[in-house]
PDB file of N, CA and C in Angstrom:
ATOM      1  N   UNK A   1     -66.323-290.402 112.379  1.00  0.00           N
ATOM      2  CA  UNK A   1     -65.072-289.750 112.839  1.00  0.00           C
ATOM      3  C   UNK A   1     -63.757-289.768 112.178  1.00  0.00           C
ATOM      4  N   UNK A   2     -63.042-288.821 111.798  1.00  0.00           N
ATOM      5  CA  UNK A   2     -62.109-288.923 110.895  1.00  0.00           C
ATOM      6  C   UNK A   2     -60.811-289.198 111.704  1.00  0.00           C
ATOM      7  N   UNK A   3     -59.954-289.791 111.091  1.00  0.00           N
ATOM      8  CA  UNK A   3     -58.540-290.483 111.511  1.00  0.00           C
ATOM      9  C   UNK A   3     -57.840-289.140 111.381  1.00  0.00           C
ATOM     10  N   UNK A   4     -56.973-288.756 112.563  1.00  0.00           N
ATOM     11  CA  UNK A   4     -56.016-287.585 112.180  1.00  0.00           C
ATOM     12  C   UNK A   4     -56.676-286.301 112.157  1.00  0.00           C
ATOM     13  N   UNK A   5     -57.909-286.112 112.107  1.00  0.00           N
ATOM     14  CA  UNK A   5     -58.415-284.846 111.893  1.00  0.00           C
ATOM     15  C   UNK A   5     -58.076-283.939 113.165  1.00  0.00           C
ATOM     16  N   UNK A   6     -58.118-284.486 114.397  1.00  0.00           N
ATOM     17  CA  UNK A   6     -57.960-283.561 115.585  1.00  0.00           C
ATOM     18  C   UNK A   6     -56.245-283.155 115.564  1.00  0.00           C
ATOM     19  N   UNK A   7     -55.435-284.222 115.142  1.00  0.00           N
ATOM     20  CA  UNK A   7     -54.231-283.872 115.291  1.00  0.00           C
ATOM     21  C   UNK A   7     -53.763-282.815 113.892  1.00  0.00           C
ATOM     22  N   UNK A   8     -54.455-282.764 113.046  1.00  0.00           N
ATOM     23  CA  UNK A   8     -54.177-282.027 112.005  1.00  0.00           C
ATOM     24  C   UNK A   8     -54.797-280.426 112.272  1.00  0.00           C
ATOM     25  N   UNK A   9     -55.854-280.366 113.043  1.00  0.00           N
ATOM     26  CA  UNK A   9     -56.096-279.187 113.911  1.00  0.00           C
ATOM     27  C   UNK A   9     -55.092-278.570 114.405  1.00  0.00           C
ATOM     28  N   UNK A  10     -54.612-279.521 115.582  1.00  0.00           N
ATOM     29  CA  UNK A  10     -53.657-278.868 116.311  1.00  0.00           C
ATOM     30  C   UNK A  10     -52.550-278.570 115.997  1.00  0.00           C
ATOM     31  N   UNK A  11     -51.995-279.036 114.722  1.00  0.00           N
ATOM     32  CA  UNK A  11     -50.800-278.427 113.845  1.00  0.00           C
ATOM     33  C   UNK A  11     -50.813-277.180 113.488  1.00  0.00           C
ATOM     34  N   UNK A  12     -52.208-276.949 112.996  1.00  0.00           N
ATOM     35  CA  UNK A  12     -52.414-275.634 112.371  1.00  0.00           C
ATOM     36  C   UNK A  12     -52.753-274.549 113.369  1.00  0.00           C
ATOM     37  N   UNK A  13     -53.006-274.861 114.672  1.00  0.00           N
ATOM     38  CA  UNK A  13     -53.019-273.973 115.571  1.00  0.00           C
ATOM     39  C   UNK A  13     -51.837-273.654 116.761  1.00  0.00           C
ATOM     40  N   UNK A  14     -50.795-274.306 116.425  1.00  0.00           N
ATOM     41  CA  UNK A  14     -49.860-274.337 117.441  1.00  0.00           C
ATOM     42  C   UNK A  14     -49.084-272.915 117.284  1.00  0.00           C
ATOM     43  N   UNK A  15     -48.673-272.570 118.160  1.00  0.00           N
ATOM     44  CA  UNK A  15     -47.828-271.169 118.270  1.00  0.00           C
ATOM     45  C   UNK A  15     -46.503-271.716 117.368  1.00  0.00           C
ATOM     46  N   UNK A  16     -45.917-270.452 116.737  1.00  0.00           N
ATOM     47  CA  UNK A  16     -44.890-270.503 116.060  1.00  0.00           C
ATOM     48  C   UNK A  16     -43.609-270.586 117.178  1.00  0.00           C
ATOM     49  N   UNK A  17     -42.639-271.206 116.629  1.00  0.00           N
ATOM     50  CA  UNK A  17     -41.405-271.400 117.468  1.00  0.00           C
ATOM     51  C   UNK A  17     -40.909-269.801 117.937  1.00  0.00           C
ATOM     52  N   UNK A  18     -40.757-269.958 119.259  1.00  0.00           N
ATOM     53  CA  UNK A  18     -40.303-268.315 119.666  1.00  0.00           C
ATOM     54  C   UNK A  18     -38.908-268.338 119.518  1.00  0.00           C
ATOM     55  N   UNK A  19     -38.436-267.291 119.234  1.00  0.00           N
ATOM     56  CA  UNK A  19     -36.783-266.813 119.246  1.00  0.00           C
ATOM     57  C   UNK A  19     -36.392-266.660 120.842  1.00  0.00           C
ATOM     58  N   UNK A  20     -35.152-266.878 120.585  1.00  0.00           N
ATOM     59  CA  UNK A  20     -34.108-266.878 122.022  1.00  0.00           C
ATOM     60  C   UNK A  20     -34.313-265.143 121.874  1.00  0.00           C
ATOM     61  N   UNK A  21     -34.158-264.711 123.287  1.00  0.00           N
ATOM     62  CA  UNK A  21     -33.867-263.397 123.532  1.00  0.00           C
ATOM     63  C   UNK A  21     -32.446-263.056 123.145  1.00  0.00           C
ATOM     64  N   UNK A  22     -32.137-261.928 122.604  1.00  0.00           N
ATOM     65  CA  UNK A  22     -31.020-261.313 122.319  1.00  0.00           C
ATOM     66  C   UNK A  22     -30.325-260.961 123.536  1.00  0.00           C
ATOM     67  N   UNK A  23     -28.802-261.080 123.449  1.00  0.00           N
ATOM     68  CA  UNK A  23     -28.137-260.689 124.462  1.00  0.00           C
ATOM     69  C   UNK A  23     -28.174-259.038 124.590  1.00  0.00           C
ATOM     70  N   UNK A  24     -27.967-258.614 125.870  1.00  0.00           N
ATOM     71  CA  UNK A  24     -27.641-257.344 126.219  1.00  0.00           C
ATOM     72  C   UNK A  24     -26.535-256.669 125.302  1.00  0.00           C
ATOM     73  N   UNK A  25     -27.065-255.470 124.555  1.00  0.00           N
ATOM     74  CA  UNK A  25     -25.879-254.994 124.085  1.00  0.00           C
ATOM     75  C   UNK A  25     -24.619-254.578 124.894  1.00  0.00           C
ATOM     76  N   UNK A  26     -23.483-254.566 124.104  1.00  0.00           N
ATOM     77  CA  UNK A  26     -22.321-254.258 125.146  1.00  0.00           C
ATOM     78  C   UNK A  26     -21.770-253.350 124.382  1.00  0.00           C
ATOM     79  N   UNK A  27     -20.830-252.455 125.345  1.00  0.00           N
ATOM     80  CA  UNK A  27     -19.937-251.159 124.724  1.00  0.00           C
ATOM     81  C   UNK A  27     -19.129-251.849 123.961  1.00  0.00           C
ATOM     82  N   UNK A  28     -19.137-251.147 122.639  1.00  0.00           N
ATOM     83  CA  UNK A  28     -18.276-251.509 121.620  1.00  0.00           C
ATOM     84  C   UNK A  28     -17.075-251.234 121.890  1.00  0.00           C
ATOM     85  N   UNK A  29     -16.084-252.245 121.659  1.00  0.00           N
ATOM     86  CA  UNK A  29     -14.516-252.142 121.652  1.00  0.00           C
ATOM     87  C   UNK A  29     -13.920-250.957 120.754  1.00  0.00           C
ATOM     88  N   UNK A  30     -12.956-250.564 121.171  1.00  0.00           N
ATOM     89  CA  UNK A  30     -12.120-249.585 120.223  1.00  0.00           C
ATOM     90  C   UNK A  30     -11.659-250.021 119.089  1.00  0.00           C
ATOM     91  N   UNK A  31     -11.929-249.725 118.008  1.00  0.00           N
ATOM     92  CA  UNK A  31     -11.197-250.090 116.713  1.00  0.00           C
ATOM     93  C   UNK A  31     -10.040-249.163 116.285  1.00  0.00           C
ATOM     94  N   UNK A  32      -8.992-249.603 115.516  1.00  0.00           N
ATOM     95  CA  UNK A  32      -8.076-248.893 114.947  1.00  0.00           C
ATOM     96  C   UNK A  32      -8.600-247.485 114.496  1.00  0.00           C
ATOM     97  N   UNK A  33      -9.567-247.244 113.901  1.00  0.00           N
ATOM     98  CA  UNK A  33     -10.010-245.907 113.469  1.00  0.00           C
ATOM     99  C   UNK A  33     -10.458-244.992 114.517  1.00  0.00           C
ATOM    100  N   UNK A  34     -10.744-245.633 115.712  1.00  0.00           N
ATOM    101  CA  UNK A  34     -11.304-244.628 116.847  1.00  0.00           C
ATOM    102  C   UNK A  34     -10.232-244.757 117.840  1.00  0.00           C
ATOM    103  N   UNK A  35      -8.991-245.152 117.719  1.00  0.00           N
ATOM    104  CA  UNK A  35      -8.152-245.107 118.550  1.00  0.00           C
ATOM    105  C   UNK A  35      -6.846-244.135 118.299  1.00  0.00           C
ATOM    106  N   UNK A  36      -6.309-243.297 118.819  1.00  0.00           N
ATOM    107  CA  UNK A  36      -5.332-242.341 118.488  1.00  0.00           C
ATOM    108  C   UNK A  36      -4.183-243.402 118.491  1.00  0.00           C
ATOM    109  N   UNK A  37      -2.952-243.218 117.488  1.00  0.00           N
ATOM    110  CA  UNK A  37      -2.166-243.841 117.404  1.00  0.00           C
ATOM    111  C   UNK A  37      -0.893-242.711 117.111  1.00  0.00           C
ATOM    112  N   UNK A  38       0.192-242.879 118.211  1.00  0.00           N
ATOM    113  CA  UNK A  38       1.221-242.274 118.181  1.00  0.00           C
ATOM    114  C   UNK A  38       2.451-242.801 118.420  1.00  0.00           C
ATOM    115  N   UNK A  39       3.483-242.586 117.287  1.00  0.00           N
ATOM    116  CA  UNK A  39       5.016-243.293 117.424  1.00  0.00           C
ATOM    117  C   UNK A  39       5.871-242.253 117.760  1.00  0.00           C
ATOM    118  N   UNK A  40       6.665-242.584 118.744  1.00  0.00           N
ATOM    119  CA  UNK A  40       7.632-241.586 119.290  1.00  0.00           C
ATOM    120  C   UNK A  40       8.704-241.475 118.367  1.00  0.00           C
ATOM    121  N   UNK A  41       8.990-242.530 117.320  1.00  0.00           N
ATOM    122  CA  UNK A  41      10.113-242.636 116.412  1.00  0.00           C
ATOM    123  C   UNK A  41       9.717-243.602 115.476  1.00  0.00           C
ATOM    124  N   UNK A  42      10.441-243.538 114.392  1.00  0.00           N
ATOM    125  CA  UNK A  42       9.878-244.750 113.210  1.00  0.00           C
ATOM    126  C   UNK A  42      10.484-246.015 113.418  1.00  0.00           C
ATOM    127  N   UNK A  43      11.571-246.262 114.804  1.00  0.00           N
ATOM    128  CA  UNK A  43      11.838-247.462 114.839  1.00  0.00           C
ATOM    129  C   UNK A  43      10.498-248.276 115.714  1.00  0.00           C
ATOM    130  N   UNK A  44       9.798-247.475 116.536  1.00  0.00           N
ATOM    131  CA  UNK A  44       8.669-247.864 117.158  1.00  0.00           C
ATOM    132  C   UNK A  44       7.709-248.041 116.350  1.00  0.00           C
ATOM    133  N   UNK A  45       7.630-247.200 115.158  1.00  0.00           N
ATOM    134  CA  UNK A  45       6.574-247.661 114.183  1.00  0.00           C
ATOM    135  C   UNK A  45       6.721-249.055 113.253  1.00  0.00           C
ATOM    136  N   UNK A  46       8.031-249.179 113.072  1.00  0.00           N
ATOM    137  CA  UNK A  46       8.704-250.348 112.521  1.00  0.00           C
ATOM    138  C   UNK A  46       8.196-251.638 113.222  1.00  0.00           C
ATOM    139  N   UNK A  47       8.555-251.527 114.622  1.00  0.00           N
ATOM    140  CA  UNK A  47       8.516-252.673 115.507  1.00  0.00           C
ATOM    141  C   UNK A  47       6.840-252.909 115.643  1.00  0.00           C
ATOM    142  N   UNK A  48       5.832-251.807 115.368  1.00  0.00           N
ATOM    143  CA  UNK A  48       4.559-251.897 115.454  1.00  0.00           C
ATOM    144  C   UNK A  48       3.900-252.602 113.944  1.00  0.00           C
ATOM    145  N   UNK A  49       4.889-252.945 113.056  1.00  0.00           N
ATOM    146  CA  UNK A  49       4.502-253.374 111.808  1.00  0.00           C
ATOM    147  C   UNK A  49       3.771-252.137 111.092  1.00  0.00           C
ATOM    148  N   UNK A  50       3.837-250.918 111.248  1.00  0.00           N
ATOM    149  CA  UNK A  50       3.153-249.687 110.708  1.00  0.00           C
ATOM    150  C   UNK A  50       3.977-249.316 109.651  1.00  0.00           C
ATOM    151  N   UNK A  51       5.046-249.275 109.759  1.00  0.00           N
ATOM    152  CA  UNK A  51       6.064-248.388 108.675  1.00  0.00           C
ATOM    153  C   UNK A  51       6.003-249.382 107.205  1.00  0.00           C
ATOM    154  N   UNK A  52       6.045-248.368 106.082  1.00  0.00           N
ATOM    155  CA  UNK A  52       5.763-246.957 106.190  1.00  0.00           C
ATOM    156  C   UNK A  52       4.492-246.178 106.241  1.00  0.00           C
ATOM    157  N   UNK A  53       4.561-245.220 106.933  1.00  0.00           N
ATOM    158  CA  UNK A  53       3.274-244.798 107.271  1.00  0.00           C
ATOM    159  C   UNK A  53       2.688-243.492 106.170  1.00  0.00           C
ATOM    160  N   UNK A  54       1.590-243.809 105.720  1.00  0.00           N
ATOM    161  CA  UNK A  54       1.127-242.584 104.395  1.00  0.00           C
ATOM    162  C   UNK A  54       0.611-241.805 105.413  1.00  0.00           C
ATOM    163  N   UNK A  55       0.535-240.493 104.872  1.00  0.00           N
ATOM    164  CA  UNK A  55      -0.225-239.148 105.207  1.00  0.00           C
ATOM    165  C   UNK A  55      -1.518-239.518 106.069  1.00  0.00           C
ATOM    166  N   UNK A  56      -2.522-240.382 105.246  1.00  0.00           N
ATOM    167  CA  UNK A  56      -3.722-240.547 105.588  1.00  0.00           C
ATOM    168  C   UNK A  56      -3.947-241.572 106.589  1.00  0.00           C
ATOM    169  N   UNK A  57      -2.629-242.221 106.907  1.00  0.00           N
ATOM    170  CA  UNK A  57      -2.843-243.457 108.006  1.00  0.00           C
ATOM    171  C   UNK A  57      -2.768-242.959 109.308  1.00  0.00           C
ATOM    172  N   UNK A  58      -3.353-243.656 110.258  1.00  0.00           N
ATOM    173  CA  UNK A  58      -3.273-243.223 111.850  1.00  0.00           C
ATOM    174  C   UNK A  58      -1.705-243.407 112.285  1.00  0.00           C
ATOM    175  N   UNK A  59      -1.244-242.437 113.203  1.00  0.00           N
ATOM    176  CA  UNK A  59      -0.014-242.514 113.412  1.00  0.00           C
ATOM    177  C   UNK A  59       0.961-241.736 112.560  1.00  0.00           C
ATOM    178  N   UNK A  60       0.652-241.059 111.573  1.00  0.00           N
ATOM    179  CA  UNK A  60       1.264-240.359 110.652  1.00  0.00           C
ATOM    180  C   UNK A  60       1.942-239.125 111.293  1.00  0.00           C
ATOM    181  N   UNK A  61       2.872-238.609 111.147  1.00  0.00           N
ATOM    182  CA  UNK A  61       3.482-237.474 111.828  1.00  0.00           C
ATOM    183  C   UNK A  61       4.303-236.680 110.882  1.00  0.00           C
ATOM    184  N   UNK A  62       4.361-235.495 110.751  1.00  0.00           N
ATOM    185  CA  UNK A  62       5.313-234.890 110.006  1.00  0.00           C
ATOM    186  C   UNK A  62       6.947-234.833 110.569  1.00  0.00           C
ATOM    187  N   UNK A  63       6.971-235.162 111.640  1.00  0.00           N
ATOM    188  CA  UNK A  63       7.974-235.269 112.595  1.00  0.00           C
ATOM    189  C   UNK A  63       8.762-236.508 112.086  1.00  0.00           C
ATOM    190  N   UNK A  64       7.940-237.620 111.464  1.00  0.00           N
ATOM    191  CA  UNK A  64       8.385-238.576 111.162  1.00  0.00           C
ATOM    192  C   UNK A  64       8.816-238.784 109.762  1.00  0.00           C
ATOM    193  N   UNK A  65       8.207-237.732 109.012  1.00  0.00           N
ATOM    194  CA  UNK A  65       8.355-237.791 107.444  1.00  0.00           C
ATOM    195  C   UNK A  65       9.456-236.555 107.247  1.00  0.00           C
ATOM    196  N   UNK A  66      10.671-237.247 107.214  1.00  0.00           N
ATOM    197  CA  UNK A  66      11.854-236.351 107.019  1.00  0.00           C
ATOM    198  C   UNK A  66      11.709-235.463 105.858  1.00  0.00           C
ATOM    199  N   UNK A  67      11.539-236.253 104.483  1.00  0.00           N
ATOM    200  CA  UNK A  67      11.708-235.427 103.327  1.00  0.00           C
ATOM    201  C   UNK A  67      10.163-234.791 103.081  1.00  0.00           C
ATOM    202  N   UNK A  68       9.357-234.849 103.599  1.00  0.00           N
ATOM    203  CA  UNK A  68       8.171-234.136 103.623  1.00  0.00           C
ATOM    204  C   UNK A  68       7.248-234.730 102.304  1.00  0.00           C
ATOM    205  N   UNK A  69       7.335-236.165 102.015  1.00  0.00           N
ATOM    206  CA  UNK A  69       6.727-236.431 100.706  1.00  0.00           C
ATOM    207  C   UNK A  69       5.490-236.967 100.934  1.00  0.00           C
ATOM    208  N   UNK A  70       4.923-236.938 102.385  1.00  0.00           N
ATOM    209  CA  UNK A  70       3.738-237.709 102.710  1.00  0.00           C
ATOM    210  C   UNK A  70       3.732-238.872 103.214  1.00  0.00           C
ATOM    211  N   UNK A  71       4.874-239.722 103.225  1.00  0.00           N
ATOM    212  CA  UNK A  71       5.309-241.112 103.634  1.00  0.00           C
ATOM    213  C   UNK A  71       6.561-240.951 104.916  1.00  0.00           C
ATOM    214  N   UNK A  72       5.835-241.367 106.005  1.00  0.00           N
ATOM    215  CA  UNK A  72       6.833-241.382 107.040  1.00  0.00           C
ATOM    216  C   UNK A  72       7.496-242.634 107.320  1.00  0.00           C
ATOM    217  N   UNK A  73       8.647-242.857 107.706  1.00  0.00           N
ATOM    218  CA  UNK A  73       9.374-243.980 108.265  1.00  0.00           C
ATOM    219  C   UNK A  73       9.449-244.798 106.836  1.00  0.00           C
ATOM    220  N   UNK A  74      10.038-244.149 105.460  1.00  0.00           N
ATOM    221  CA  UNK A  74       9.986-245.184 104.561  1.00  0.00           C
ATOM    222  C   UNK A  74      11.344-245.857 104.212  1.00  0.00           C
ATOM    223  N   UNK A  75      12.416-245.230 104.535  1.00  0.00           N
ATOM    224  CA  UNK A  75      13.623-245.669 104.263  1.00  0.00           C
ATOM    225  C   UNK A  75      14.406-246.615 105.040  1.00  0.00           C
ATOM    226  N   UNK A  76      13.930-246.753 106.393  1.00  0.00           N
ATOM    227  CA  UNK A  76      14.474-247.688 107.293  1.00  0.00           C
ATOM    228  C   UNK A  76      15.807-247.166 108.100  1.00  0.00           C
ATOM    229  N   UNK A  77      16.076-245.855 107.735  1.00  0.00           N
ATOM    230  CA  UNK A  77      16.999-245.026 108.383  1.00  0.00           C
ATOM    231  C   UNK A  77      16.525-243.903 109.368  1.00  0.00           C
ATOM    232  N   UNK A  78      15.230-243.650 109.184  1.00  0.00           N
ATOM    233  CA  UNK A  78      14.745-242.630 110.301  1.00  0.00           C
ATOM    234  C   UNK A  78      14.826-242.998 111.801  1.00  0.00           C
TER     235      UNK A  78
END
């Protein structure tokens, strides 16, 4: 009779650890790139910490860009 022989066989044949089931997927939350942003005026944009707003940034509007250079609410007087 071998010492530990049976235990060694058991260790080799044990099932690997099973993984915990993953939680059910949830609906993704809206990110800034998927949310429409609109500022009534530059004061509102500044209060939100968005000013100055570049043409390619969410919330840019030609109505907020008084000089038409592609940067809205840039001078603090709009």
